[in-house]
All heavy atoms as atom14 arrays in JSON, in Angstrom:
{
  "sequence": "ISNSDGRQYYVDSVKGRFTISSDNAKSTVYLQMNSLKPEDTAVYYC",
  "atom14_mask": [
    [1, 1, 1, 1, 1, 1, 1, 1, 0, 0, 0, 0, 0, 0],
    [1, 1, 1, 1, 1, 1, 0, 0, 0, 0, 0, 0, 0, 0],
    [1, 1, 1, 1, 1, 1, 1, 1, 0, 0, 0, 0, 0, 0],
    [1, 1, 1, 1, 1, 1, 0, 0, 0, 0, 0, 0, 0, 0],
    [1, 1, 1, 1, 1, 1, 1, 1, 0, 0, 0, 0, 0, 0],
    [1, 1, 1, 1, 0, 0, 0, 0, 0, 0, 0, 0, 0, 0],
    [1, 1, 1, 1, 1, 1, 1, 1, 1, 1, 1, 0, 0, 0],
    [1, 1, 1, 1, 1, 1, 1, 1, 1, 0, 0, 0, 0, 0],
    [1, 1, 1, 1, 1, 1, 1, 1, 1, 1, 1, 1, 0, 0],
    [1, 1, 1, 1, 1, 1, 1, 1, 1, 1, 1, 1, 0, 0],
    [1, 1, 1, 1, 1, 1, 1, 0, 0, 0, 0, 0, 0, 0],
    [1, 1, 1, 1, 1, 1, 1, 1, 0, 0, 0, 0, 0, 0],
    [1, 1, 1, 1, 1, 1, 0, 0, 0, 0, 0, 0, 0, 0],
    [1, 1, 1, 1, 1, 1, 1, 0, 0, 0, 0, 0, 0, 0],
    [1, 1, 1, 1, 1, 1, 1, 1, 1, 0, 0, 0, 0, 0],
    [1, 1, 1, 1, 0, 0, 0, 0, 0, 0, 0, 0, 0, 0],
    [1, 1, 1, 1, 1, 1, 1, 1, 1, 1, 1, 0, 0, 0],
    [1, 1, 1, 1, 1, 1, 1, 1, 1, 1, 1, 0, 0, 0],
    [1, 1, 1, 1, 1, 1, 1, 0, 0, 0, 0, 0, 0, 0],
    [1, 1, 1, 1, 1, 1, 1, 1, 0, 0, 0, 0, 0, 0],
    [1, 1, 1, 1, 1, 1, 0, 0, 0, 0, 0, 0, 0, 0],
    [1, 1, 1, 1, 1, 1, 0, 0, 0, 0, 0, 0, 0, 0],
    [1, 1, 1, 1, 1, 1, 1, 1, 0, 0, 0, 0, 0, 0],
    [1, 1, 1, 1, 1, 1, 1, 1, 0, 0, 0, 0, 0, 0],
    [1, 1, 1, 1, 1, 0, 0, 0, 0, 0, 0, 0, 0, 0],
    [1, 1, 1, 1, 1, 1, 1, 1, 1, 0, 0, 0, 0, 0],
    [1, 1, 1, 1, 1, 1, 0, 0, 0, 0, 0, 0, 0, 0],
    [1, 1, 1, 1, 1, 1, 1, 0, 0, 0, 0, 0, 0, 0],
    [1, 1, 1, 1, 1, 1, 1, 0, 0, 0, 0, 0, 0, 0],
    [1, 1, 1, 1, 1, 1, 1, 1, 1, 1, 1, 1, 0, 0],
    [1, 1, 1, 1, 1, 1, 1, 1, 0, 0, 0, 0, 0, 0],
    [1, 1, 1, 1, 1, 1, 1, 1, 1, 0, 0, 0, 0, 0],
    [1, 1, 1, 1, 1, 1, 1, 1, 0, 0, 0, 0, 0, 0],
    [1, 1, 1, 1, 1, 1, 1, 1, 0, 0, 0, 0, 0, 0],
    [1, 1, 1, 1, 1, 1, 0, 0, 0, 0, 0, 0, 0, 0],
    [1, 1, 1, 1, 1, 1, 1, 1, 0, 0, 0, 0, 0, 0],
    [1, 1, 1, 1, 1, 1, 1, 1, 1, 0, 0, 0, 0, 0],
    [1, 1, 1, 1, 1, 1, 1, 0, 0, 0, 0, 0, 0, 0],
    [1, 1, 1, 1, 1, 1, 1, 1, 1, 0, 0, 0, 0, 0],
    [1, 1, 1, 1, 1, 1, 1, 1, 0, 0, 0, 0, 0, 0],
    [1, 1, 1, 1, 1, 1, 1, 0, 0, 0, 0, 0, 0, 0],
    [1, 1, 1, 1, 1, 0, 0, 0, 0, 0, 0, 0, 0, 0],
    [1, 1, 1, 1, 1, 1, 1, 0, 0, 0, 0, 0, 0, 0],
    [1, 1, 1, 1, 1, 1, 1, 1, 1, 1, 1, 1, 0, 0],
    [1, 1, 1, 1, 1, 1, 1, 1, 1, 1, 1, 1, 0, 0],
    [1, 1, 1, 1, 1, 1, 0, 0, 0, 0, 0, 0, 0, 0]
  ],
  "atom14_positions": [
    [[0.8, -1.25, -0.03], [0.06, 0.02, -0.02], [0.87, 1.23, -0.05], [1.94, 1.36, 0.65], [-0.97, 0.05, 1.18], [-1.99, 1.15, 1.09], [-0.28, 0.12, 2.52], [-3.11, 0.98, 1.93], [0.0, 0.0, 0.0], [0.0, 0.0, 0.0], [0.0, 0.0, 0.0], [0.0, 0.0, 0.0], [0.0, 0.0, 0.0], [0.0, 0.0, 0.0]],
    [[0.44, 2.27, -0.7], [1.08, 3.48, -0.72], [0.41, 4.42, 0.35], [-0.84, 4.73, 0.3], [1.01, 4.19, -2.15], [1.44, 5.59, -2.01], [0.0, 0.0, 0.0], [0.0, 0.0, 0.0], [0.0, 0.0, 0.0], [0.0, 0.0, 0.0], [0.0, 0.0, 0.0], [0.0, 0.0, 0.0], [0.0, 0.0, 0.0], [0.0, 0.0, 0.0]],
    [[1.14, 4.85, 1.32], [0.59, 5.59, 2.47], [0.25, 7.01, 2.01], [-0.47, 7.73, 2.6], [1.5, 5.58, 3.64], [1.59, 4.28, 4.32], [0.65, 3.62, 4.33], [2.81, 3.96, 4.8], [0.0, 0.0, 0.0], [0.0, 0.0, 0.0], [0.0, 0.0, 0.0], [0.0, 0.0, 0.0], [0.0, 0.0, 0.0], [0.0, 0.0, 0.0]],
    [[0.71, 7.48, 0.76], [0.55, 8.8, 0.39], [-0.82, 9.0, -0.36], [-1.47, 9.96, -0.29], [1.72, 9.27, -0.55], [1.63, 8.62, -1.79], [0.0, 0.0, 0.0], [0.0, 0.0, 0.0], [0.0, 0.0, 0.0], [0.0, 0.0, 0.0], [0.0, 0.0, 0.0], [0.0, 0.0, 0.0], [0.0, 0.0, 0.0], [0.0, 0.0, 0.0]],
    [[-1.25, 7.89, -1.15], [-2.56, 8.06, -1.92], [-3.37, 6.78, -1.8], [-4.37, 6.76, -2.51], [-2.15, 8.32, -3.34], [-1.33, 7.29, -4.09], [-1.14, 6.24, -3.56], [-0.72, 7.63, -5.21], [0.0, 0.0, 0.0], [0.0, 0.0, 0.0], [0.0, 0.0, 0.0], [0.0, 0.0, 0.0], [0.0, 0.0, 0.0], [0.0, 0.0, 0.0]],
    [[-2.97, 5.8, -1.11], [-3.79, 4.71, -0.81], [-3.82, 3.53, -1.94], [-4.6, 2.53, -1.87], [0.0, 0.0, 0.0], [0.0, 0.0, 0.0], [0.0, 0.0, 0.0], [0.0, 0.0, 0.0], [0.0, 0.0, 0.0], [0.0, 0.0, 0.0], [0.0, 0.0, 0.0], [0.0, 0.0, 0.0], [0.0, 0.0, 0.0], [0.0, 0.0, 0.0]],
    [[-2.85, 3.7, -2.88], [-2.85, 2.74, -4.01], [-2.5, 1.38, -3.43], [-1.75, 1.27, -2.34], [-1.8, 3.06, -5.0], [-2.12, 4.11, -5.99], [-1.01, 4.33, -6.91], [0.08, 5.08, -6.23], [1.33, 5.17, -6.82], [1.66, 4.82, -8.02], [2.26, 5.76, -6.02], [0.0, 0.0, 0.0], [0.0, 0.0, 0.0], [0.0, 0.0, 0.0]],
    [[-2.99, 0.26, -3.97], [-2.86, -1.1, -3.39], [-2.4, -2.02, -4.47], [-2.81, -1.98, -5.69], [-4.23, -1.54, -2.7], [-4.74, -0.69, -1.73], [-6.21, -1.12, -1.17], [-6.61, -2.16, -1.51], [-6.86, -0.33, -0.42], [0.0, 0.0, 0.0], [0.0, 0.0, 0.0], [0.0, 0.0, 0.0], [0.0, 0.0, 0.0], [0.0, 0.0, 0.0]],
    [[-1.62, -3.02, -4.09], [-1.14, -4.17, -5.02], [-1.38, -5.35, -4.26], [-1.19, -5.51, -3.11], [0.27, -3.85, -5.23], [0.96, -5.16, -5.66], [0.76, -5.53, -7.07], [1.63, -6.01, -4.97], [1.42, -6.74, -7.48], [2.16, -7.23, -5.29], [2.01, -7.53, -6.64], [2.67, -8.7, -7.13], [0.0, 0.0, 0.0], [0.0, 0.0, 0.0]],
    [[-1.81, -6.44, -5.14], [-1.99, -7.76, -4.53], [-1.38, -8.73, -5.6], [-1.63, -8.55, -6.77], [-3.41, -8.15, -4.41], [-4.2, -7.23, -3.41], [-4.83, -6.06, -3.8], [-4.06, -7.51, -2.04], [-5.54, -5.3, -2.88], [-4.81, -6.61, -1.13], [-5.44, -5.55, -1.56], [-6.09, -4.76, -0.62], [0.0, 0.0, 0.0], [0.0, 0.0, 0.0]],
    [[-0.69, -9.74, -5.12], [-0.25, -10.82, -5.93], [-1.51, -11.61, -6.28], [-2.53, -11.6, -5.52], [0.84, -11.66, -5.23], [0.1, -12.47, -4.09], [1.54, -12.6, -6.25], [0.0, 0.0, 0.0], [0.0, 0.0, 0.0], [0.0, 0.0, 0.0], [0.0, 0.0, 0.0], [0.0, 0.0, 0.0], [0.0, 0.0, 0.0], [0.0, 0.0, 0.0]],
    [[-1.52, -12.17, -7.61], [-2.68, -12.85, -8.02], [-3.28, -13.88, -7.11], [-4.54, -14.05, -7.06], [-2.36, -13.51, -9.45], [-2.23, -12.52, -10.56], [-2.58, -11.35, -10.4], [-1.7, -12.91, -11.65], [0.0, 0.0, 0.0], [0.0, 0.0, 0.0], [0.0, 0.0, 0.0], [0.0, 0.0, 0.0], [0.0, 0.0, 0.0], [0.0, 0.0, 0.0]],
    [[-2.42, -14.6, -6.49], [-2.87, -15.78, -5.66], [-3.73, -15.36, -4.47], [-4.47, -16.17, -3.87], [-1.75, -16.62, -5.13], [-0.86, -15.82, -4.38], [0.0, 0.0, 0.0], [0.0, 0.0, 0.0], [0.0, 0.0, 0.0], [0.0, 0.0, 0.0], [0.0, 0.0, 0.0], [0.0, 0.0, 0.0], [0.0, 0.0, 0.0], [0.0, 0.0, 0.0]],
    [[-3.75, -14.0, -4.15], [-4.45, -13.6, -2.95], [-5.55, -12.63, -3.27], [-6.34, -12.17, -2.39], [-3.55, -13.02, -1.81], [-2.49, -14.0, -1.46], [-3.11, -11.61, -2.12], [0.0, 0.0, 0.0], [0.0, 0.0, 0.0], [0.0, 0.0, 0.0], [0.0, 0.0, 0.0], [0.0, 0.0, 0.0], [0.0, 0.0, 0.0], [0.0, 0.0, 0.0]],
    [[-5.63, -12.26, -4.6], [-6.7, -11.35, -4.99], [-8.09, -11.69, -4.71], [-8.39, -12.91, -4.85], [-6.63, -10.91, -6.52], [-5.43, -10.09, -6.8], [-5.38, -9.81, -8.25], [-4.15, -8.92, -8.66], [-4.02, -8.7, -10.13], [0.0, 0.0, 0.0], [0.0, 0.0, 0.0], [0.0, 0.0, 0.0], [0.0, 0.0, 0.0], [0.0, 0.0, 0.0]],
    [[-8.88, -11.06, -4.1], [-10.25, -11.32, -3.68], [-10.34, -11.95, -2.36], [-11.45, -12.18, -1.84], [0.0, 0.0, 0.0], [0.0, 0.0, 0.0], [0.0, 0.0, 0.0], [0.0, 0.0, 0.0], [0.0, 0.0, 0.0], [0.0, 0.0, 0.0], [0.0, 0.0, 0.0], [0.0, 0.0, 0.0], [0.0, 0.0, 0.0], [0.0, 0.0, 0.0]],
    [[-9.15, -12.28, -1.7], [-9.22, -12.91, -0.42], [-8.53, -12.06, 0.68], [-9.01, -11.98, 1.8], [-8.51, -14.3, -0.4], [-8.99, -15.32, -1.35], [-8.44, -16.71, -1.11], [-7.07, -16.66, -1.48], [-6.14, -17.11, -0.65], [-6.47, -17.47, 0.63], [-4.83, -17.09, -0.95], [0.0, 0.0, 0.0], [0.0, 0.0, 0.0], [0.0, 0.0, 0.0]],
    [[-7.38, -11.29, 0.24], [-6.9, -10.45, 1.2], [-7.04, -8.99, 0.91], [-7.2, -8.55, -0.22], [-5.29, -10.64, 1.05], [-4.76, -12.07, 1.48], [-5.59, -13.04, 1.84], [-3.32, -12.24, 1.59], [-5.02, -14.32, 2.25], [-2.82, -13.43, 2.08], [-3.69, -14.4, 2.33], [0.0, 0.0, 0.0], [0.0, 0.0, 0.0], [0.0, 0.0, 0.0]],
    [[-7.07, -8.23, 1.98], [-7.22, -6.71, 1.79], [-6.27, -6.01, 2.64], [-6.09, -6.26, 3.9], [-8.56, -6.31, 2.23], [-9.55, -7.02, 1.56], [-8.79, -4.86, 2.03], [0.0, 0.0, 0.0], [0.0, 0.0, 0.0], [0.0, 0.0, 0.0], [0.0, 0.0, 0.0], [0.0, 0.0, 0.0], [0.0, 0.0, 0.0], [0.0, 0.0, 0.0]],
    [[-5.43, -5.17, 2.11], [-4.41, -4.29, 2.74], [-5.12, -2.95, 3.04], [-5.99, -2.37, 2.27], [-3.15, -4.21, 2.0], [-2.04, -3.6, 2.83], [-3.35, -3.36, 0.7], [-0.72, -3.66, 2.28], [0.0, 0.0, 0.0], [0.0, 0.0, 0.0], [0.0, 0.0, 0.0], [0.0, 0.0, 0.0], [0.0, 0.0, 0.0], [0.0, 0.0, 0.0]],
    [[-4.83, -2.36, 4.24], [-5.41, -1.02, 4.59], [-4.38, -0.4, 5.61], [-3.44, -0.97, 6.09], [-6.69, -1.13, 5.35], [-6.65, -1.92, 6.48], [0.0, 0.0, 0.0], [0.0, 0.0, 0.0], [0.0, 0.0, 0.0], [0.0, 0.0, 0.0], [0.0, 0.0, 0.0], [0.0, 0.0, 0.0], [0.0, 0.0, 0.0], [0.0, 0.0, 0.0]],
    [[-4.55, 1.0, 5.65], [-3.57, 1.68, 6.48], [-4.37, 2.64, 7.31], [-5.34, 3.34, 6.95], [-2.62, 2.43, 5.47], [-1.64, 3.19, 6.21], [0.0, 0.0, 0.0], [0.0, 0.0, 0.0], [0.0, 0.0, 0.0], [0.0, 0.0, 0.0], [0.0, 0.0, 0.0], [0.0, 0.0, 0.0], [0.0, 0.0, 0.0], [0.0, 0.0, 0.0]],
    [[-3.82, 2.74, 8.5], [-4.35, 3.82, 9.5], [-3.18, 4.71, 9.72], [-2.33, 4.49, 10.6], [-4.81, 3.14, 10.83], [-5.47, 4.23, 11.75], [-5.21, 5.38, 11.53], [-6.22, 3.71, 12.65], [0.0, 0.0, 0.0], [0.0, 0.0, 0.0], [0.0, 0.0, 0.0], [0.0, 0.0, 0.0], [0.0, 0.0, 0.0], [0.0, 0.0, 0.0]],
    [[-3.21, 5.8, 9.02], [-1.99, 6.78, 9.06], [-1.91, 7.36, 10.46], [-0.78, 7.6, 10.88], [-2.11, 7.76, 7.95], [-1.88, 7.24, 6.52], [-1.53, 6.07, 6.37], [-1.78, 8.12, 5.53], [0.0, 0.0, 0.0], [0.0, 0.0, 0.0], [0.0, 0.0, 0.0], [0.0, 0.0, 0.0], [0.0, 0.0, 0.0], [0.0, 0.0, 0.0]],
    [[-3.06, 7.6, 11.15], [-2.92, 8.25, 12.44], [-2.2, 7.34, 13.43], [-1.58, 7.9, 14.41], [-4.27, 8.57, 12.92], [0.0, 0.0, 0.0], [0.0, 0.0, 0.0], [0.0, 0.0, 0.0], [0.0, 0.0, 0.0], [0.0, 0.0, 0.0], [0.0, 0.0, 0.0], [0.0, 0.0, 0.0], [0.0, 0.0, 0.0], [0.0, 0.0, 0.0]],
    [[-2.22, 6.0, 13.26], [-1.66, 5.13, 14.06], [-0.28, 4.59, 13.48], [0.42, 3.7, 14.18], [-2.53, 3.88, 14.34], [-3.81, 4.37, 15.14], [-4.67, 3.13, 15.42], [-5.92, 3.47, 16.29], [-6.81, 2.24, 16.48], [0.0, 0.0, 0.0], [0.0, 0.0, 0.0], [0.0, 0.0, 0.0], [0.0, 0.0, 0.0], [0.0, 0.0, 0.0]],
    [[0.13, 4.97, 12.3], [1.28, 4.48, 11.67], [1.18, 2.91, 11.62], [2.23, 2.32, 11.86], [2.53, 5.01, 12.26], [2.57, 6.36, 12.14], [0.0, 0.0, 0.0], [0.0, 0.0, 0.0], [0.0, 0.0, 0.0], [0.0, 0.0, 0.0], [0.0, 0.0, 0.0], [0.0, 0.0, 0.0], [0.0, 0.0, 0.0], [0.0, 0.0, 0.0]],
    [[0.01, 2.4, 11.23], [-0.12, 1.0, 11.24], [-0.83, 0.48, 9.99], [-1.86, 1.16, 9.45], [-1.03, 0.55, 12.35], [-0.4, 0.86, 13.61], [-1.23, -0.96, 12.48], [0.0, 0.0, 0.0], [0.0, 0.0, 0.0], [0.0, 0.0, 0.0], [0.0, 0.0, 0.0], [0.0, 0.0, 0.0], [0.0, 0.0, 0.0], [0.0, 0.0, 0.0]],
    [[-0.29, -0.58, 9.34], [-0.84, -1.19, 8.13], [-1.39, -2.52, 8.6], [-0.71, -3.32, 9.21], [0.24, -1.29, 7.07], [-0.3, -2.25, 5.96], [0.53, 0.07, 6.55], [0.0, 0.0, 0.0], [0.0, 0.0, 0.0], [0.0, 0.0, 0.0], [0.0, 0.0, 0.0], [0.0, 0.0, 0.0], [0.0, 0.0, 0.0], [0.0, 0.0, 0.0]],
    [[-2.57, -2.9, 7.94], [-3.2, -4.22, 8.32], [-3.29, -5.01, 7.02], [-3.36, -4.49, 5.93], [-4.59, -3.92, 8.82], [-4.62, -3.01, 9.97], [-4.85, -1.73, 9.94], [-4.52, -3.47, 11.34], [-4.99, -0.78, 11.06], [-4.52, -2.62, 12.37], [-4.68, -1.34, 12.27], [-4.78, -0.43, 13.37], [0.0, 0.0, 0.0], [0.0, 0.0, 0.0]],
    [[-3.24, -6.37, 7.28], [-3.58, -7.27, 6.12], [-4.61, -8.25, 6.62], [-4.43, -9.02, 7.52], [-2.36, -8.11, 5.71], [-2.57, -8.99, 4.61], [-2.74, -8.13, 3.24], [-1.26, -9.92, 4.59], [0.0, 0.0, 0.0], [0.0, 0.0, 0.0], [0.0, 0.0, 0.0], [0.0, 0.0, 0.0], [0.0, 0.0, 0.0], [0.0, 0.0, 0.0]],
    [[-5.92, -7.97, 6.12], [-7.08, -8.83, 6.43], [-7.02, -10.0, 5.44], [-7.13, -9.87, 4.26], [-8.31, -8.06, 6.39], [-9.52, -8.93, 6.6], [-9.63, -9.34, 7.96], [-9.5, -8.45, 8.89], [-9.88, -10.59, 8.3], [0.0, 0.0, 0.0], [0.0, 0.0, 0.0], [0.0, 0.0, 0.0], [0.0, 0.0, 0.0], [0.0, 0.0, 0.0]],
    [[-6.86, -11.18, 5.98], [-6.87, -12.47, 5.3], [-8.03, -13.19, 5.46], [-8.35, -13.59, 6.52], [-5.54, -13.25, 5.54], [-4.26, -12.42, 5.48], [-2.79, -13.48, 5.79], [-3.16, -13.74, 7.6], [0.0, 0.0, 0.0], [0.0, 0.0, 0.0], [0.0, 0.0, 0.0], [0.0, 0.0, 0.0], [0.0, 0.0, 0.0], [0.0, 0.0, 0.0]],
    [[-8.86, -13.46, 4.45], [-10.0, -14.31, 4.53], [-9.91, -15.58, 3.61], [-8.91, -15.6, 2.67], [-11.18, -13.43, 4.09], [-11.56, -12.36, 4.9], [-11.28, -12.39, 6.15], [-11.96, -11.14, 4.24], [0.0, 0.0, 0.0], [0.0, 0.0, 0.0], [0.0, 0.0, 0.0], [0.0, 0.0, 0.0], [0.0, 0.0, 0.0], [0.0, 0.0, 0.0]],
    [[-10.71, -16.46, 3.76], [-10.71, -17.72, 2.9], [-9.32, -18.43, 2.92], [-8.88, -18.75, 1.93], [-11.31, -17.41, 1.56], [-12.6, -16.92, 1.6], [0.0, 0.0, 0.0], [0.0, 0.0, 0.0], [0.0, 0.0, 0.0], [0.0, 0.0, 0.0], [0.0, 0.0, 0.0], [0.0, 0.0, 0.0], [0.0, 0.0, 0.0], [0.0, 0.0, 0.0]],
    [[-8.72, -18.41, 4.0], [-7.35, -18.95, 4.13], [-7.19, -20.38, 3.64], [-8.2, -21.21, 3.84], [-6.81, -18.79, 5.49], [-6.28, -17.35, 5.86], [-6.27, -17.15, 7.43], [-5.1, -16.95, 5.19], [0.0, 0.0, 0.0], [0.0, 0.0, 0.0], [0.0, 0.0, 0.0], [0.0, 0.0, 0.0], [0.0, 0.0, 0.0], [0.0, 0.0, 0.0]],
    [[-6.08, -20.66, 3.04], [-5.85, -22.01, 2.45], [-4.52, -22.48, 3.14], [-3.59, -21.7, 3.53], [-5.62, -21.94, 0.93], [-6.78, -21.28, 0.13], [-6.51, -21.18, -1.34], [-7.58, -20.52, -2.08], [-7.3, -20.31, -3.44], [0.0, 0.0, 0.0], [0.0, 0.0, 0.0], [0.0, 0.0, 0.0], [0.0, 0.0, 0.0], [0.0, 0.0, 0.0]],
    [[-4.36, -23.84, 3.05], [-3.02, -24.34, 3.55], [-1.82, -23.76, 2.95], [-0.83, -23.53, 3.62], [-3.1, -25.75, 3.44], [-4.7, -26.14, 3.46], [-5.3, -24.88, 2.82], [0.0, 0.0, 0.0], [0.0, 0.0, 0.0], [0.0, 0.0, 0.0], [0.0, 0.0, 0.0], [0.0, 0.0, 0.0], [0.0, 0.0, 0.0], [0.0, 0.0, 0.0]],
    [[-1.91, -23.4, 1.78], [-0.79, -22.87, 1.01], [-0.51, -21.36, 1.39], [0.53, -20.91, 0.96], [-0.89, -22.96, -0.52], [-2.31, -22.28, -1.14], [-3.37, -23.51, -1.32], [-3.43, -24.28, -0.44], [-3.99, -23.39, -2.3], [0.0, 0.0, 0.0], [0.0, 0.0, 0.0], [0.0, 0.0, 0.0], [0.0, 0.0, 0.0], [0.0, 0.0, 0.0]],
    [[-1.3, -20.81, 2.22], [-1.05, -19.47, 2.76], [-0.05, -19.54, 3.94], [0.33, -18.53, 4.56], [-2.36, -18.72, 3.13], [-3.16, -18.43, 1.99], [-2.64, -17.99, 1.01], [-4.41, -18.61, 2.08], [0.0, 0.0, 0.0], [0.0, 0.0, 0.0], [0.0, 0.0, 0.0], [0.0, 0.0, 0.0], [0.0, 0.0, 0.0], [0.0, 0.0, 0.0]],
    [[0.2, -20.8, 4.49], [1.06, -20.95, 5.73], [2.38, -20.49, 5.32], [3.14, -20.88, 4.43], [1.06, -22.53, 6.07], [-0.29, -22.87, 6.39], [2.04, -22.7, 7.23], [0.0, 0.0, 0.0], [0.0, 0.0, 0.0], [0.0, 0.0, 0.0], [0.0, 0.0, 0.0], [0.0, 0.0, 0.0], [0.0, 0.0, 0.0], [0.0, 0.0, 0.0]],
    [[2.92, -19.52, 6.21], [4.24, -19.01, 5.99], [4.56, -18.09, 7.07], [3.66, -17.7, 7.99], [4.19, -18.1, 4.77], [0.0, 0.0, 0.0], [0.0, 0.0, 0.0], [0.0, 0.0, 0.0], [0.0, 0.0, 0.0], [0.0, 0.0, 0.0], [0.0, 0.0, 0.0], [0.0, 0.0, 0.0], [0.0, 0.0, 0.0], [0.0, 0.0, 0.0]],
    [[5.78, -17.63, 7.29], [6.19, -16.47, 8.1], [5.81, -15.25, 7.25], [6.33, -15.04, 6.09], [7.54, -16.51, 8.49], [7.89, -15.18, 9.38], [7.83, -17.74, 9.3], [0.0, 0.0, 0.0], [0.0, 0.0, 0.0], [0.0, 0.0, 0.0], [0.0, 0.0, 0.0], [0.0, 0.0, 0.0], [0.0, 0.0, 0.0], [0.0, 0.0, 0.0]],
    [[5.11, -14.32, 7.84], [4.63, -13.03, 7.13], [5.43, -11.88, 7.66], [5.56, -11.68, 8.99], [3.11, -12.75, 7.3], [2.33, -13.63, 6.45], [2.17, -15.0, 6.64], [1.61, -12.97, 5.32], [1.43, -15.8, 5.71], [0.85, -13.91, 4.48], [0.65, -15.16, 4.76], [-0.08, -16.04, 3.89], [0.0, 0.0, 0.0], [0.0, 0.0, 0.0]],
    [[6.05, -11.15, 6.85], [6.78, -9.94, 7.09], [6.29, -8.71, 6.5], [5.72, -8.67, 5.46], [8.18, -10.04, 6.58], [9.05, -11.22, 7.01], [8.87, -12.43, 6.28], [9.88, -11.28, 8.09], [9.65, -13.62, 6.68], [10.61, -12.4, 8.49], [10.45, -13.54, 7.75], [11.15, -14.68, 8.12], [0.0, 0.0, 0.0], [0.0, 0.0, 0.0]],
    [[6.36, -7.56, 7.34], [6.09, -6.19, 6.68], [7.43, -5.43, 6.44], [8.41, -5.84, 7.12], [5.06, -5.35, 7.53], [5.67, -4.85, 9.18], [0.0, 0.0, 0.0], [0.0, 0.0, 0.0], [0.0, 0.0, 0.0], [0.0, 0.0, 0.0], [0.0, 0.0, 0.0], [0.0, 0.0, 0.0], [0.0, 0.0, 0.0], [0.0, 0.0, 0.0]]
  ]
}
């Protein structure tokens, strides 16, 4: 996510399932993951 204008990017494998968002007042970015699959298992880094 671009914190300046809110532009978002998703890799094809998570489109429609994951949503990225930003709360600039809290300097925090979120990744909402829905419809999770076993292949989503991983260590996630920001």
